[in-house]
Amino acid sequence: MGSTAAQLLPLVALIFILYFLMIRPQKKKDKQINEMRKNLMVGDEIVTIGGIYGKIVKTKDETIVIQTGADRIRLEMARWSVSSVVKDAPRKAAAKAEAEEVKEEDAPKKSIRRLRKETPAEAEEVKEEVVNAAAEVTEAAEDLTEELED
């Protein structure tokens, strides 16, 4: 039995090495390509698998319509035929930049910065408003207490 295990060990090691050197990277690349194809938007400039350069003018579930050349010829193609995105649509690039900014900044830090930027005069106004509101609430509570006692 020990000799059988010793004979299978190199085979198992070879399969393990092949998985990490060939199969896993290919699956990762396929996942990225499928994500790119899923996120295609109107305005993206693309290259198809056949080498056709064009700009997306309409998207559907499984197909896209691209416009090519100076004659503005429109072609309907399957999404899977897109090889790469040459240039993202302006909206998409702006949305990516905005998403990165939101990730970088934390909400509590933002509110602390706002408080630090207040001038002393503004802080006094806010303080007076809070004191006035507290006084009004106290008066209303006293009025309700008197009404309940009567």
C-alpha atoms as a PDB file:
ATOM      1  CA  MET A   1       0.000   0.000   0.000  1.00  0.00           C
ATOM      2  CA  GLY A   2       2.839   2.376   0.760  1.00  0.00           C
ATOM      3  CA  SER A   3       4.286   1.931  -2.708  1.00  0.00           C
ATOM      4  CA  THR A   4       0.939   2.869  -4.334  1.00  0.00           C
ATOM      5  CA  ALA A   5       0.795   6.103  -2.362  1.00  0.00           C
ATOM      6  CA  ALA A   6       4.393   6.860  -3.276  1.00  0.00           C
ATOM      7  CA  GLN A   7       3.578   6.353  -6.968  1.00  0.00           C
ATOM      8  CA  LEU A   8       0.503   8.627  -6.828  1.00  0.00           C
ATOM      9  CA  LEU A   9       2.230  11.429  -4.939  1.00  0.00           C
ATOM     10  CA  PRO A  10       4.109  12.853  -7.986  1.00  0.00           C
ATOM     11  CA  LEU A  11       0.904  12.725 -10.062  1.00  0.00           C
ATOM     12  CA  VAL A  12      -1.051  14.606  -7.394  1.00  0.00           C
ATOM     13  CA  ALA A  13       1.759  17.150  -7.067  1.00  0.00           C
ATOM     14  CA  LEU A  14       1.794  17.641 -10.852  1.00  0.00           C
ATOM     15  CA  ILE A  15      -1.982  18.245 -10.954  1.00  0.00           C
ATOM     16  CA  PHE A  16      -1.668  20.683  -8.050  1.00  0.00           C
ATOM     17  CA  ILE A  17       1.118  22.633  -9.802  1.00  0.00           C
ATOM     18  CA  LEU A  18      -0.802  22.698 -13.107  1.00  0.00           C
ATOM     19  CA  TYR A  19      -3.861  24.073 -11.342  1.00  0.00           C
ATOM     20  CA  PHE A  20      -1.957  27.006  -9.850  1.00  0.00           C
ATOM     21  CA  LEU A  21       0.124  27.719 -12.956  1.00  0.00           C
ATOM     22  CA  MET A  22      -2.491  27.307 -15.699  1.00  0.00           C
ATOM     23  CA  ILE A  23      -6.098  26.792 -14.663  1.00  0.00           C
ATOM     24  CA  ARG A  24      -6.462  29.345 -11.865  1.00  0.00           C
ATOM     25  CA  PRO A  25      -4.946  32.312 -13.777  1.00  0.00           C
ATOM     26  CA  GLN A  26      -7.123  31.510 -16.813  1.00  0.00           C
ATOM     27  CA  LYS A  27     -10.286  31.464 -14.689  1.00  0.00           C
ATOM     28  CA  LYS A  28      -9.296  34.806 -13.159  1.00  0.00           C
ATOM     29  CA  LYS A  29      -8.736  36.313 -16.618  1.00  0.00           C
ATOM     30  CA  ASP A  30     -12.072  34.935 -17.882  1.00  0.00           C
ATOM     31  CA  LYS A  31     -13.833  36.482 -14.882  1.00  0.00           C
ATOM     32  CA  GLN A  32     -12.305  39.905 -15.642  1.00  0.00           C
ATOM     33  CA  ILE A  33     -13.276  39.697 -19.322  1.00  0.00           C
ATOM     34  CA  ASN A  34     -16.867  38.715 -18.484  1.00  0.00           C
ATOM     35  CA  GLU A  35     -17.083  41.615 -16.018  1.00  0.00           C
ATOM     36  CA  MET A  36     -15.781  44.019 -18.704  1.00  0.00           C
ATOM     37  CA  ARG A  37     -18.343  42.743 -21.208  1.00  0.00           C
ATOM     38  CA  LYS A  38     -21.145  43.015 -18.651  1.00  0.00           C
ATOM     39  CA  ASN A  39     -20.248  46.661 -17.904  1.00  0.00           C
ATOM     40  CA  LEU A  40     -20.196  47.895 -21.527  1.00  0.00           C
ATOM     41  CA  MET A  41     -21.954  51.250 -21.900  1.00  0.00           C
ATOM     42  CA  VAL A  42     -23.024  53.542 -24.702  1.00  0.00           C
ATOM     43  CA  GLY A  43     -20.057  55.699 -25.663  1.00  0.00           C
ATOM     44  CA  ASP A  44     -17.361  53.084 -24.986  1.00  0.00           C
ATOM     45  CA  GLU A  45     -14.869  52.646 -27.801  1.00  0.00           C
ATOM     46  CA  ILE A  46     -14.136  48.948 -28.312  1.00  0.00           C
ATOM     47  CA  VAL A  47     -12.199  46.435 -30.395  1.00  0.00           C
ATOM     48  CA  THR A  48     -13.929  43.207 -31.401  1.00  0.00           C
ATOM     49  CA  ILE A  49     -12.327  39.793 -31.608  1.00  0.00           C
ATOM     50  CA  GLY A  50     -12.252  40.229 -35.391  1.00  0.00           C
ATOM     51  CA  GLY A  51     -10.297  43.497 -35.088  1.00  0.00           C
ATOM     52  CA  ILE A  52     -13.158  45.919 -35.815  1.00  0.00           C
ATOM     53  CA  TYR A  53     -12.850  49.239 -33.989  1.00  0.00           C
ATOM     54  CA  GLY A  54     -16.085  51.012 -33.125  1.00  0.00           C
ATOM     55  CA  LYS A  55     -18.091  53.041 -30.657  1.00  0.00           C
ATOM     56  CA  ILE A  56     -21.090  51.557 -28.848  1.00  0.00           C
ATOM     57  CA  VAL A  57     -24.311  53.396 -29.724  1.00  0.00           C
ATOM     58  CA  LYS A  58     -26.846  50.969 -28.252  1.00  0.00           C
ATOM     59  CA  THR A  59     -26.772  48.096 -25.781  1.00  0.00           C
ATOM     60  CA  LYS A  60     -29.162  45.207 -25.331  1.00  0.00           C
ATOM     61  CA  ASP A  61     -29.105  42.140 -23.099  1.00  0.00           C
ATOM     62  CA  GLU A  62     -26.972  39.899 -25.305  1.00  0.00           C
ATOM     63  CA  THR A  63     -26.009  42.244 -28.158  1.00  0.00           C
ATOM     64  CA  ILE A  64     -24.520  45.669 -28.781  1.00  0.00           C
ATOM     65  CA  VAL A  65     -24.750  48.023 -31.749  1.00  0.00           C
ATOM     66  CA  ILE A  66     -21.480  49.678 -32.737  1.00  0.00           C
ATOM     67  CA  GLN A  67     -20.782  52.511 -35.153  1.00  0.00           C
ATOM     68  CA  THR A  68     -17.649  52.238 -37.271  1.00  0.00           C
ATOM     69  CA  GLY A  69     -15.782  54.375 -39.770  1.00  0.00           C
ATOM     70  CA  ALA A  70     -16.418  57.771 -41.258  1.00  0.00           C
ATOM     71  CA  ASP A  71     -19.559  56.484 -42.995  1.00  0.00           C
ATOM     72  CA  ARG A  72     -21.057  55.704 -39.590  1.00  0.00           C
ATOM     73  CA  ILE A  73     -21.909  52.156 -40.467  1.00  0.00           C
ATOM     74  CA  ARG A  74     -23.771  50.418 -37.652  1.00  0.00           C
ATOM     75  CA  LEU A  75     -23.198  46.766 -36.840  1.00  0.00           C
ATOM     76  CA  GLU A  76     -25.070  44.632 -34.336  1.00  0.00           C
ATOM     77  CA  MET A  77     -22.776  42.187 -32.575  1.00  0.00           C
ATOM     78  CA  ALA A  78     -22.869  39.750 -29.695  1.00  0.00           C
ATOM     79  CA  ARG A  79     -21.395  40.979 -26.404  1.00  0.00           C
ATOM     80  CA  TRP A  80     -18.984  38.049 -26.318  1.00  0.00           C
ATOM     81  CA  SER A  81     -17.359  39.348 -29.509  1.00  0.00           C
ATOM     82  CA  VAL A  82     -15.849  42.330 -27.660  1.00  0.00           C
ATOM     83  CA  SER A  83     -12.133  41.827 -27.148  1.00  0.00           C
ATOM     84  CA  SER A  84     -11.270  44.989 -25.211  1.00  0.00           C
ATOM     85  CA  VAL A  85     -12.400  48.488 -24.338  1.00  0.00           C
ATOM     86  CA  VAL A  86     -10.112  51.104 -25.883  1.00  0.00           C
ATOM     87  CA  LYS A  87     -11.694  54.122 -24.185  1.00  0.00           C
ATOM     88  CA  ASP A  88     -14.362  54.243 -21.482  1.00  0.00           C
ATOM     89  CA  ALA A  89     -17.403  56.460 -21.856  1.00  0.00           C
ATOM     90  CA  PRO A  90     -16.965  59.834 -20.073  1.00  0.00           C
ATOM     91  CA  ARG A  91     -19.797  59.070 -17.644  1.00  0.00           C
ATOM     92  CA  LYS A  92     -18.276  55.754 -16.734  1.00  0.00           C
ATOM     93  CA  ALA A  93     -14.839  57.278 -16.077  1.00  0.00           C
ATOM     94  CA  ALA A  94     -16.384  59.998 -13.912  1.00  0.00           C
ATOM     95  CA  ALA A  95     -18.397  57.415 -11.970  1.00  0.00           C
ATOM     96  CA  LYS A  96     -15.252  55.362 -11.333  1.00  0.00           C
ATOM     97  CA  ALA A  97     -13.365  58.440 -10.085  1.00  0.00           C
ATOM     98  CA  GLU A  98     -16.255  59.400  -7.807  1.00  0.00           C
ATOM     99  CA  ALA A  99     -16.488  55.866  -6.401  1.00  0.00           C
ATOM    100  CA  GLU A 100     -12.770  55.899  -5.606  1.00  0.00           C
ATOM    101  CA  GLU A 101     -13.102  59.241  -3.796  1.00  0.00           C
ATOM    102  CA  VAL A 102     -15.961  57.909  -1.677  1.00  0.00           C
ATOM    103  CA  LYS A 103     -13.929  54.831  -0.739  1.00  0.00           C
ATOM    104  CA  GLU A 104     -10.964  56.960   0.316  1.00  0.00           C
ATOM    105  CA  GLU A 105     -12.896  59.314   2.554  1.00  0.00           C
ATOM    106  CA  ASP A 106     -14.694  58.214   5.690  1.00  0.00           C
ATOM    107  CA  ALA A 107     -17.976  59.896   6.624  1.00  0.00           C
ATOM    108  CA  PRO A 108     -16.991  60.729  10.235  1.00  0.00           C
ATOM    109  CA  LYS A 109     -13.794  62.422   9.092  1.00  0.00           C
ATOM    110  CA  LYS A 110     -15.819  64.530   6.682  1.00  0.00           C
ATOM    111  CA  SER A 111     -18.167  65.798   9.407  1.00  0.00           C
ATOM    112  CA  ILE A 112     -15.230  66.581  11.703  1.00  0.00           C
ATOM    113  CA  ARG A 113     -13.629  68.647   8.946  1.00  0.00           C
ATOM    114  CA  ARG A 114     -16.852  70.594   8.536  1.00  0.00           C
ATOM    115  CA  LEU A 115     -16.990  71.374  12.232  1.00  0.00           C
ATOM    116  CA  ARG A 116     -13.412  72.590  12.206  1.00  0.00           C
ATOM    117  CA  LYS A 117     -14.128  74.933   9.303  1.00  0.00           C
ATOM    118  CA  GLU A 118     -16.886  76.770  11.177  1.00  0.00           C
ATOM    119  CA  THR A 119     -16.045  80.281  12.236  1.00  0.00           C
ATOM    120  CA  PRO A 120     -16.538  81.305  15.880  1.00  0.00           C
ATOM    121  CA  ALA A 121     -19.492  83.506  14.857  1.00  0.00           C
ATOM    122  CA  GLU A 122     -21.221  80.556  13.174  1.00  0.00           C
ATOM    123  CA  ALA A 123     -20.571  78.377  16.207  1.00  0.00           C
ATOM    124  CA  GLU A 124     -22.158  81.026  18.466  1.00  0.00           C
ATOM    125  CA  GLU A 125     -25.241  81.198  16.219  1.00  0.00           C
ATOM    126  CA  VAL A 126     -25.661  77.439  16.370  1.00  0.00           C
ATOM    127  CA  LYS A 127     -25.193  77.507  20.135  1.00  0.00           C
ATOM    128  CA  GLU A 128     -27.866  80.225  20.510  1.00  0.00           C
ATOM    129  CA  GLU A 129     -30.287  78.270  18.312  1.00  0.00           C
ATOM    130  CA  VAL A 130     -29.783  75.177  20.458  1.00  0.00           C
ATOM    131  CA  VAL A 131     -30.315  77.133  23.679  1.00  0.00           C
ATOM    132  CA  ASN A 132     -33.489  78.758  22.268  1.00  0.00           C
ATOM    133  CA  ALA A 133     -34.833  75.397  21.113  1.00  0.00           C
ATOM    134  CA  ALA A 134     -34.111  73.883  24.534  1.00  0.00           C
ATOM    135  CA  ALA A 135     -35.922  76.774  26.243  1.00  0.00           C
ATOM    136  CA  GLU A 136     -38.968  76.302  23.981  1.00  0.00           C
ATOM    137  CA  VAL A 137     -39.050  72.579  24.718  1.00  0.00           C
ATOM    138  CA  THR A 138     -38.791  73.257  28.457  1.00  0.00           C
ATOM    139  CA  GLU A 139     -41.671  75.755  28.298  1.00  0.00           C
ATOM    140  CA  ALA A 140     -43.805  73.338  26.318  1.00  0.00           C
ATOM    141  CA  ALA A 141     -43.082  70.567  28.822  1.00  0.00           C
ATOM    142  CA  GLU A 142     -44.031  72.852  31.745  1.00  0.00           C
ATOM    143  CA  ASP A 143     -47.289  73.843  29.988  1.00  0.00           C
ATOM    144  CA  LEU A 144     -48.195  70.198  29.431  1.00  0.00           C
ATOM    145  CA  THR A 145     -47.374  69.354  33.038  1.00  0.00           C
ATOM    146  CA  GLU A 146     -49.654  72.171  34.258  1.00  0.00           C
ATOM    147  CA  GLU A 147     -52.482  71.022  31.977  1.00  0.00           C
ATOM    148  CA  LEU A 148     -52.187  67.453  33.226  1.00  0.00           C
ATOM    149  CA  GLU A 149     -52.243  68.578  36.874  1.00  0.00           C
ATOM    150  CA  ASP A 150     -55.465  70.576  36.328  1.00  0.00           C
END
